[in-house]
Every structure is written in C-alpha cells, then in structure tokens.
N, C-alpha and C. Protein backbone atom coordinates (compact mmCIF):
# COMPACT_ATOMS: atom_id res chain seq x y z
N MET A 1 -12.38 148.24 -99.25
CA MET A 1 -12.74 147.75 -98.13
C MET A 1 -12.63 148.97 -97.01
N PRO A 2 -13.65 149.35 -96.30
CA PRO A 2 -13.41 150.57 -95.44
C PRO A 2 -12.45 150.23 -94.31
N ILE A 3 -11.79 151.75 -94.00
CA ILE A 3 -10.61 151.18 -93.02
C ILE A 3 -11.35 152.07 -91.92
N LYS A 4 -11.23 151.62 -90.68
CA LYS A 4 -11.66 152.13 -89.28
C LYS A 4 -10.56 152.62 -88.48
N LYS A 5 -10.85 153.75 -87.97
CA LYS A 5 -9.37 153.95 -87.31
C LYS A 5 -10.21 154.65 -85.67
N ILE A 6 -9.27 154.23 -84.69
CA ILE A 6 -9.74 154.72 -83.35
C ILE A 6 -8.68 155.40 -82.81
N VAL A 7 -9.18 156.69 -82.37
CA VAL A 7 -8.10 157.63 -81.73
C VAL A 7 -8.41 157.79 -80.15
N MET A 8 -7.64 157.38 -79.35
CA MET A 8 -7.80 157.29 -77.91
C MET A 8 -6.92 158.79 -77.26
N VAL A 9 -7.51 159.60 -76.70
CA VAL A 9 -6.86 161.01 -76.52
C VAL A 9 -6.78 160.99 -74.99
N LYS A 10 -5.74 161.67 -74.45
CA LYS A 10 -5.77 162.36 -72.81
C LYS A 10 -5.45 163.47 -73.01
N ARG A 11 -6.24 164.03 -72.26
CA ARG A 11 -6.07 165.85 -72.08
C ARG A 11 -4.90 166.52 -71.56
N LYS A 12 -4.60 167.38 -72.02
CA LYS A 12 -3.57 168.19 -71.64
C LYS A 12 -3.27 168.29 -70.02
N LYS A 13 -2.38 168.08 -69.32
CA LYS A 13 -2.17 168.42 -67.86
C LYS A 13 -2.58 169.57 -67.85
N GLY A 14 -3.46 170.31 -66.79
CA GLY A 14 -3.91 171.22 -66.37
C GLY A 14 -5.25 172.00 -66.92
N LEU A 15 -5.77 171.03 -67.67
CA LEU A 15 -7.14 171.32 -68.39
C LEU A 15 -8.28 170.88 -67.55
N THR A 16 -9.01 171.27 -67.55
CA THR A 16 -10.10 170.69 -66.77
C THR A 16 -10.90 169.96 -67.85
N PRO A 17 -11.85 168.81 -67.67
CA PRO A 17 -12.53 168.02 -68.35
C PRO A 17 -13.13 168.99 -69.46
N LYS A 18 -14.11 170.22 -68.73
CA LYS A 18 -14.68 171.14 -69.65
C LYS A 18 -14.02 171.88 -70.73
N GLU A 19 -12.94 172.15 -70.10
CA GLU A 19 -11.97 173.28 -71.14
C GLU A 19 -11.41 172.06 -72.32
N PHE A 20 -11.03 171.03 -71.66
CA PHE A 20 -10.53 169.81 -73.01
C PHE A 20 -11.59 169.63 -73.87
N ARG A 21 -12.92 169.53 -73.51
CA ARG A 21 -13.81 168.91 -74.67
C ARG A 21 -14.16 170.32 -75.58
N ASP A 22 -14.34 171.39 -74.90
CA ASP A 22 -14.47 172.79 -75.56
C ASP A 22 -13.49 172.90 -76.61
N GLY A 23 -12.34 172.39 -76.20
CA GLY A 23 -11.09 172.87 -77.11
C GLY A 23 -11.40 171.82 -78.50
N TYR A 24 -11.50 170.64 -77.87
CA TYR A 24 -11.62 169.39 -78.96
C TYR A 24 -12.64 169.47 -80.09
N GLU A 25 -13.92 170.16 -79.27
CA GLU A 25 -15.03 170.60 -80.12
C GLU A 25 -14.61 171.47 -81.04
N ASN A 26 -14.55 172.96 -80.51
CA ASN A 26 -14.37 173.84 -81.26
C ASN A 26 -13.08 174.16 -81.98
N SER A 27 -12.41 173.35 -81.52
CA SER A 27 -10.89 173.87 -82.68
C SER A 27 -10.45 172.32 -83.22
N HIS A 28 -9.96 171.45 -82.36
CA HIS A 28 -9.32 170.30 -83.20
C HIS A 28 -10.26 169.53 -83.80
N SER A 29 -11.31 169.37 -83.57
CA SER A 29 -12.26 168.44 -84.39
C SER A 29 -12.69 169.29 -85.84
N ARG A 30 -13.06 170.48 -85.47
CA ARG A 30 -13.30 171.76 -86.71
C ARG A 30 -12.07 171.52 -87.49
N ILE A 31 -10.67 171.26 -87.11
CA ILE A 31 -9.81 171.36 -88.10
C ILE A 31 -9.71 170.09 -89.08
N ALA A 32 -9.78 169.10 -88.24
CA ALA A 32 -10.00 167.51 -88.81
C ALA A 32 -11.29 167.18 -89.75
N VAL A 33 -12.39 167.98 -89.36
CA VAL A 33 -13.65 167.99 -90.29
C VAL A 33 -13.13 168.83 -91.41
N ARG A 34 -12.54 169.97 -91.45
CA ARG A 34 -12.44 170.90 -92.52
C ARG A 34 -11.00 170.35 -93.75
N LEU A 35 -10.25 169.68 -92.76
CA LEU A 35 -9.10 169.00 -93.81
C LEU A 35 -9.48 167.68 -94.26
N PHE A 36 -10.36 166.74 -93.49
CA PHE A 36 -10.64 165.31 -93.55
C PHE A 36 -11.93 164.74 -94.14
N GLY A 37 -12.90 165.71 -93.39
CA GLY A 37 -14.25 165.41 -93.69
C GLY A 37 -14.87 164.88 -94.87
N HIS A 38 -14.24 165.50 -95.96
CA HIS A 38 -14.68 165.07 -97.29
C HIS A 38 -14.40 163.23 -97.63
N LEU A 39 -13.45 163.03 -96.76
CA LEU A 39 -12.95 161.62 -96.96
C LEU A 39 -13.42 160.56 -96.25
N TRP A 40 -14.03 160.94 -95.17
CA TRP A 40 -14.72 160.47 -93.90
C TRP A 40 -15.86 159.74 -94.02
N THR A 41 -16.58 158.37 -93.72
CA THR A 41 -17.91 158.29 -94.19
C THR A 41 -18.64 158.47 -92.69
N GLU A 42 -17.56 158.15 -91.92
CA GLU A 42 -18.20 158.24 -90.10
C GLU A 42 -17.12 158.95 -89.32
N TYR A 43 -17.78 159.71 -88.35
CA TYR A 43 -16.75 160.46 -87.55
C TYR A 43 -17.37 160.42 -86.36
N ARG A 44 -17.04 160.10 -84.95
CA ARG A 44 -17.60 160.54 -83.84
C ARG A 44 -16.74 160.61 -82.87
N ARG A 45 -17.11 161.19 -81.84
CA ARG A 45 -16.06 161.57 -80.44
C ARG A 45 -16.90 161.06 -79.58
N ASN A 46 -16.33 160.58 -78.58
CA ASN A 46 -16.97 159.83 -77.35
C ASN A 46 -16.24 160.12 -76.17
N TYR A 47 -17.09 161.12 -75.43
CA TYR A 47 -15.85 161.65 -74.33
C TYR A 47 -16.64 160.65 -72.81
N LEU A 48 -15.33 159.91 -72.28
CA LEU A 48 -15.64 159.26 -71.24
C LEU A 48 -15.81 159.83 -69.88
N THR A 49 -16.69 159.20 -68.91
CA THR A 49 -17.15 159.90 -67.90
C THR A 49 -16.88 158.99 -66.91
N THR A 50 -17.59 158.03 -66.38
CA THR A 50 -17.33 156.88 -65.56
C THR A 50 -17.29 155.54 -65.88
N GLY A 51 -16.74 154.68 -65.31
CA GLY A 51 -16.70 153.30 -65.62
C GLY A 51 -16.09 152.05 -64.64
N TYR A 52 -16.32 150.98 -64.93
CA TYR A 52 -15.57 150.16 -63.83
C TYR A 52 -14.87 148.98 -64.74
N ASN A 53 -13.93 148.63 -64.32
CA ASN A 53 -13.19 147.42 -64.71
C ASN A 53 -13.53 146.16 -64.59
N PHE A 54 -12.98 145.18 -64.90
CA PHE A 54 -13.39 143.80 -64.87
C PHE A 54 -13.65 143.28 -63.55
N ASP A 55 -12.81 143.60 -62.93
CA ASP A 55 -13.01 143.42 -61.31
C ASP A 55 -14.07 144.68 -60.29
N GLN A 56 -14.47 144.92 -61.19
CA GLN A 56 -15.58 145.75 -60.66
C GLN A 56 -14.91 147.29 -59.66
N LYS A 57 -13.94 147.94 -60.47
CA LYS A 57 -13.20 148.91 -59.69
C LYS A 57 -13.63 150.13 -60.37
N ASP A 58 -14.36 150.88 -59.76
CA ASP A 58 -15.04 152.17 -60.22
C ASP A 58 -13.85 153.28 -60.72
N GLY A 59 -14.12 153.83 -61.56
CA GLY A 59 -13.11 154.65 -62.33
C GLY A 59 -13.39 155.80 -63.39
N GLY A 60 -12.63 156.94 -63.56
CA GLY A 60 -13.27 157.55 -64.20
C GLY A 60 -11.78 157.81 -65.54
N PRO A 61 -11.91 158.92 -66.27
CA PRO A 61 -10.69 159.02 -67.42
C PRO A 61 -9.06 158.87 -66.90
N ALA A 62 -9.15 159.29 -65.53
CA ALA A 62 -7.66 159.24 -64.91
C ALA A 62 -7.27 157.97 -64.58
N GLU A 63 -8.33 156.98 -64.13
CA GLU A 63 -7.89 155.71 -64.16
C GLU A 63 -7.59 154.86 -65.60
N ILE A 64 -8.65 155.30 -66.44
CA ILE A 64 -8.85 154.28 -67.61
C ILE A 64 -7.69 155.15 -68.45
N GLY A 65 -6.95 156.36 -68.04
CA GLY A 65 -5.88 156.58 -68.99
C GLY A 65 -6.58 157.53 -70.41
N PHE A 66 -7.54 157.86 -70.72
CA PHE A 66 -8.07 158.15 -71.97
C PHE A 66 -9.36 159.32 -71.47
N ASP A 67 -9.19 160.46 -71.80
CA ASP A 67 -10.64 161.26 -71.99
C ASP A 67 -11.41 161.22 -73.10
N ALA A 68 -11.26 160.72 -74.17
CA ALA A 68 -12.18 160.45 -75.30
C ALA A 68 -11.33 159.58 -76.07
N VAL A 69 -12.54 158.76 -76.93
CA VAL A 69 -12.26 157.86 -77.72
C VAL A 69 -13.30 158.43 -79.10
N SER A 70 -12.28 158.80 -80.21
CA SER A 70 -12.85 159.31 -81.32
C SER A 70 -12.67 157.87 -82.54
N GLU A 71 -13.41 157.87 -83.30
CA GLU A 71 -13.53 157.20 -84.40
C GLU A 71 -13.55 157.65 -85.63
N PHE A 72 -13.04 157.38 -86.81
CA PHE A 72 -13.25 157.74 -88.08
C PHE A 72 -13.37 156.68 -88.89
N VAL A 73 -14.12 156.56 -90.30
CA VAL A 73 -14.09 155.53 -91.24
C VAL A 73 -13.83 155.95 -92.94
N LEU A 74 -12.96 155.36 -92.91
CA LEU A 74 -12.71 156.11 -94.53
C LEU A 74 -12.99 155.04 -95.36
N PRO A 75 -13.69 155.08 -96.68
CA PRO A 75 -14.05 154.49 -97.49
C PRO A 75 -13.17 153.22 -98.27
N ASP A 76 -11.99 153.51 -98.38
CA ASP A 76 -10.74 152.61 -98.90
C ASP A 76 -9.59 152.98 -98.82
N GLU A 77 -8.29 152.49 -99.26
CA GLU A 77 -6.92 152.59 -99.20
C GLU A 77 -6.85 154.41 -99.69
N ALA A 78 -7.58 154.31 -100.90
CA ALA A 78 -7.24 155.66 -101.69
C ALA A 78 -7.61 156.78 -100.89
N ALA A 79 -8.56 156.72 -100.07
CA ALA A 79 -9.07 157.75 -99.09
C ALA A 79 -8.03 158.01 -97.77
N TYR A 80 -7.55 156.92 -97.72
CA TYR A 80 -6.50 156.70 -96.23
C TYR A 80 -5.52 157.53 -96.81
N ARG A 81 -4.67 157.06 -98.12
CA ARG A 81 -3.25 157.48 -98.53
C ARG A 81 -3.67 159.04 -98.92
N GLU A 82 -4.95 159.79 -99.31
CA GLU A 82 -5.11 161.17 -99.47
C GLU A 82 -5.20 161.87 -98.11
N MET A 83 -5.48 160.93 -96.99
CA MET A 83 -5.76 161.54 -95.80
C MET A 83 -4.26 161.85 -95.31
N GLY A 84 -3.10 160.61 -95.12
CA GLY A 84 -1.72 161.21 -95.60
C GLY A 84 -1.15 162.27 -95.77
N ARG A 85 -1.63 162.23 -96.93
CA ARG A 85 -1.16 163.29 -98.10
C ARG A 85 -1.43 164.91 -97.42
N ILE A 86 -2.75 164.88 -97.28
CA ILE A 86 -3.34 166.25 -96.62
C ILE A 86 -2.51 166.87 -95.16
N SER A 87 -2.66 165.43 -94.35
CA SER A 87 -1.91 165.72 -92.84
C SER A 87 -0.46 166.00 -93.00
N ALA A 88 0.30 165.28 -93.73
CA ALA A 88 1.63 165.94 -94.17
C ALA A 88 1.62 167.12 -94.56
N GLU A 89 0.75 167.74 -95.35
CA GLU A 89 1.08 169.34 -95.95
C GLU A 89 0.48 170.24 -94.68
N ASN A 90 -0.32 169.63 -93.86
CA ASN A 90 -0.74 170.35 -92.55
C ASN A 90 -0.13 170.03 -91.44
N PHE A 91 1.13 169.37 -91.30
CA PHE A 91 1.42 168.54 -90.07
C PHE A 91 1.72 169.79 -89.01
N GLU A 92 2.23 170.80 -89.00
CA GLU A 92 2.67 171.98 -88.19
C GLU A 92 1.36 172.41 -87.67
N MET A 93 0.45 172.71 -88.33
CA MET A 93 -0.86 173.36 -87.92
C MET A 93 -1.63 172.20 -87.04
N ILE A 94 -1.53 170.96 -87.61
CA ILE A 94 -2.31 169.95 -86.89
C ILE A 94 -1.21 169.61 -85.63
N LYS A 95 -0.03 169.34 -85.28
CA LYS A 95 0.36 169.36 -84.02
C LYS A 95 0.58 170.60 -83.03
N GLU A 96 0.53 171.67 -83.65
CA GLU A 96 0.21 172.93 -82.83
C GLU A 96 -1.15 173.33 -82.36
N ASP A 97 -1.93 172.43 -82.90
CA ASP A 97 -3.55 172.61 -82.26
C ASP A 97 -3.81 171.29 -81.31
N GLU A 98 -2.88 170.30 -81.86
CA GLU A 98 -3.17 168.79 -80.57
C GLU A 98 -2.23 169.47 -79.23
N ALA A 99 -1.20 170.32 -79.53
CA ALA A 99 -0.24 170.62 -78.43
C ALA A 99 -1.18 171.65 -77.25
N LYS A 100 -2.25 172.02 -77.70
CA LYS A 100 -3.04 173.05 -76.82
C LYS A 100 -3.84 172.06 -76.15
N TRP A 101 -4.33 170.68 -76.71
CA TRP A 101 -5.61 170.24 -75.84
C TRP A 101 -5.08 168.72 -75.21
N PHE A 102 -4.00 168.29 -75.82
CA PHE A 102 -3.73 166.69 -75.56
C PHE A 102 -2.54 166.56 -75.13
N ASP A 103 -2.41 165.45 -74.04
CA ASP A 103 -1.15 164.81 -73.69
C ASP A 103 -0.55 163.85 -74.83
N GLN A 104 0.22 164.57 -75.91
CA GLN A 104 0.50 164.03 -77.07
C GLN A 104 1.31 162.40 -76.86
N SER A 105 1.94 162.39 -75.99
CA SER A 105 2.66 161.19 -75.70
C SER A 105 1.62 160.04 -75.11
N HIS A 106 0.51 160.34 -74.78
CA HIS A 106 -0.37 159.53 -74.20
C HIS A 106 -1.64 159.30 -75.14
N CYS A 107 -1.46 159.33 -76.44
CA CYS A 107 -2.72 159.61 -77.41
C CYS A 107 -2.48 158.78 -78.56
N TRP A 108 -3.12 157.87 -79.00
CA TRP A 108 -2.90 156.69 -80.06
C TRP A 108 -3.89 156.79 -81.02
N ILE A 109 -3.40 156.57 -82.25
CA ILE A 109 -4.60 156.15 -83.29
C ILE A 109 -3.88 154.83 -83.62
N VAL A 110 -5.30 153.84 -83.69
CA VAL A 110 -5.07 152.43 -83.66
C VAL A 110 -5.97 151.84 -85.11
N ASP A 111 -5.44 150.99 -85.75
CA ASP A 111 -6.29 150.36 -86.85
C ASP A 111 -7.29 149.28 -86.08
N CYS A 112 -8.61 149.25 -86.97
CA CYS A 112 -9.49 148.29 -86.29
C CYS A 112 -9.84 147.47 -87.37
N GLU A 113 -10.06 146.07 -86.90
CA GLU A 113 -10.84 145.20 -87.45
C GLU A 113 -12.29 145.17 -86.83
N THR A 114 -13.23 145.14 -87.27
CA THR A 114 -14.48 145.53 -86.68
C THR A 114 -15.26 144.24 -87.13
N ILE A 115 -15.92 143.75 -85.96
CA ILE A 115 -16.83 142.58 -86.34
C ILE A 115 -18.28 143.23 -85.99
N GLU A 116 -19.21 143.39 -86.54
CA GLU A 116 -20.52 143.61 -85.98
C GLU A 116 -21.54 142.61 -86.13
N GLU A 117 -22.25 142.56 -85.16
CA GLU A 117 -23.59 141.34 -85.03
C GLU A 117 -24.88 142.18 -84.94
N ASP A 118 -26.03 141.67 -85.42
CA ASP A 118 -27.24 142.20 -85.16
C ASP A 118 -27.76 141.62 -83.87
N PRO A 119 -27.96 142.83 -82.89
CA PRO A 119 -28.25 141.55 -81.45
C PRO A 119 -29.73 141.37 -81.63
N SER A 120 -30.68 141.98 -82.47
CA SER A 120 -32.04 141.11 -82.71
C SER A 120 -31.83 140.03 -83.19
N GLY A 121 -30.77 139.67 -84.06
CA GLY A 121 -30.89 138.17 -84.46
C GLY A 121 -30.13 137.37 -83.60
N LEU A 122 -29.58 138.04 -82.56
CA LEU A 122 -29.19 136.77 -81.85
C LEU A 122 -29.89 136.53 -80.68
N ARG A 123 -30.83 137.54 -80.47
CA ARG A 123 -31.82 137.35 -79.43
C ARG A 123 -33.31 136.40 -80.05
N GLN A 124 -33.40 136.36 -81.29
CA GLN A 124 -34.25 135.65 -82.13
C GLN A 124 -33.64 134.18 -81.91
N ALA A 125 -32.49 134.22 -82.11
CA ALA A 125 -31.65 132.74 -81.98
C ALA A 125 -31.84 132.19 -80.59
N ALA A 126 -31.48 132.94 -79.82
CA ALA A 126 -31.59 132.52 -78.43
C ALA A 126 -33.24 131.97 -78.11
N ASP A 127 -34.12 132.85 -78.57
CA ASP A 127 -35.36 132.59 -78.16
C ASP A 127 -35.89 131.35 -78.75
N ALA A 128 -35.41 131.05 -80.13
CA ALA A 128 -35.74 129.72 -80.60
C ALA A 128 -35.24 128.64 -80.14
N SER A 129 -33.94 128.81 -79.37
CA SER A 129 -33.48 127.56 -78.59
C SER A 129 -34.01 127.02 -77.51
N THR A 130 -34.97 128.14 -76.79
CA THR A 130 -35.44 127.69 -75.66
C THR A 130 -36.98 126.97 -75.84
C-alpha cells in the first residue's frame, strides 16, 4: 500500500521568499532526490503565495505559518524503511542543509490518508439528479 508524506516547511528567519525557494530547489530538494528519488513514486513542492482563511481573512505564508508544502509518495513499507535507513546514514548532512533554509522547529512531516475522487464522476452524478 502506498505511503504518502506531507512536509510543511517554514523558511529560516532572515531569508527572503526568493532566497528560500532558490535554496530549496537548488540544494535541499537535490539532496533529497539524490538520496531518496529512486524510492519515490511521486514528489512535488508547492510554494505558498496568498490565500484566505475560512473567515475570508487574506494572508500569505507569514499568516499561514508555512512557506512550502511538499509531498512524496513511497510504494510500500519496505521503501519507507529503506528511506529511514538512508536518512539515518546521512543524518548530519541532511540536518546541516536543513539548517540553511528552514526554521526547523516549525517544520513538520506528517502521514496522510488520502481519499481521491474523480470530479467528472461527481458532476455526472449531479447532472443526472437534476
């Protein structure tokens, strides 16, 4: 069964959004792909720009609390264990690079249970009921 992880990151204080993105794209994500890319079936990075909360208050990364949300998917538990092994072997290098770009105390890796729906099927069902 696939394992999906969401990584929510806040940039290190003093970095501009551009500096953060350049560092994430050209350093940290390259290390991740080099170490773990062969294990992942999906990998994407989403840089937050502007948004609003459910009370319609506008905001950006400062209000949201994160600058980027990354996702990666592993095919199974064996790949997840292998990622853990590789991560442990490279712990110091990974932490050193993270310290350049991230406010580490405000970064989270979380497990996800994903439910996907095909919107076209939902529209067809709605059209049929009218």
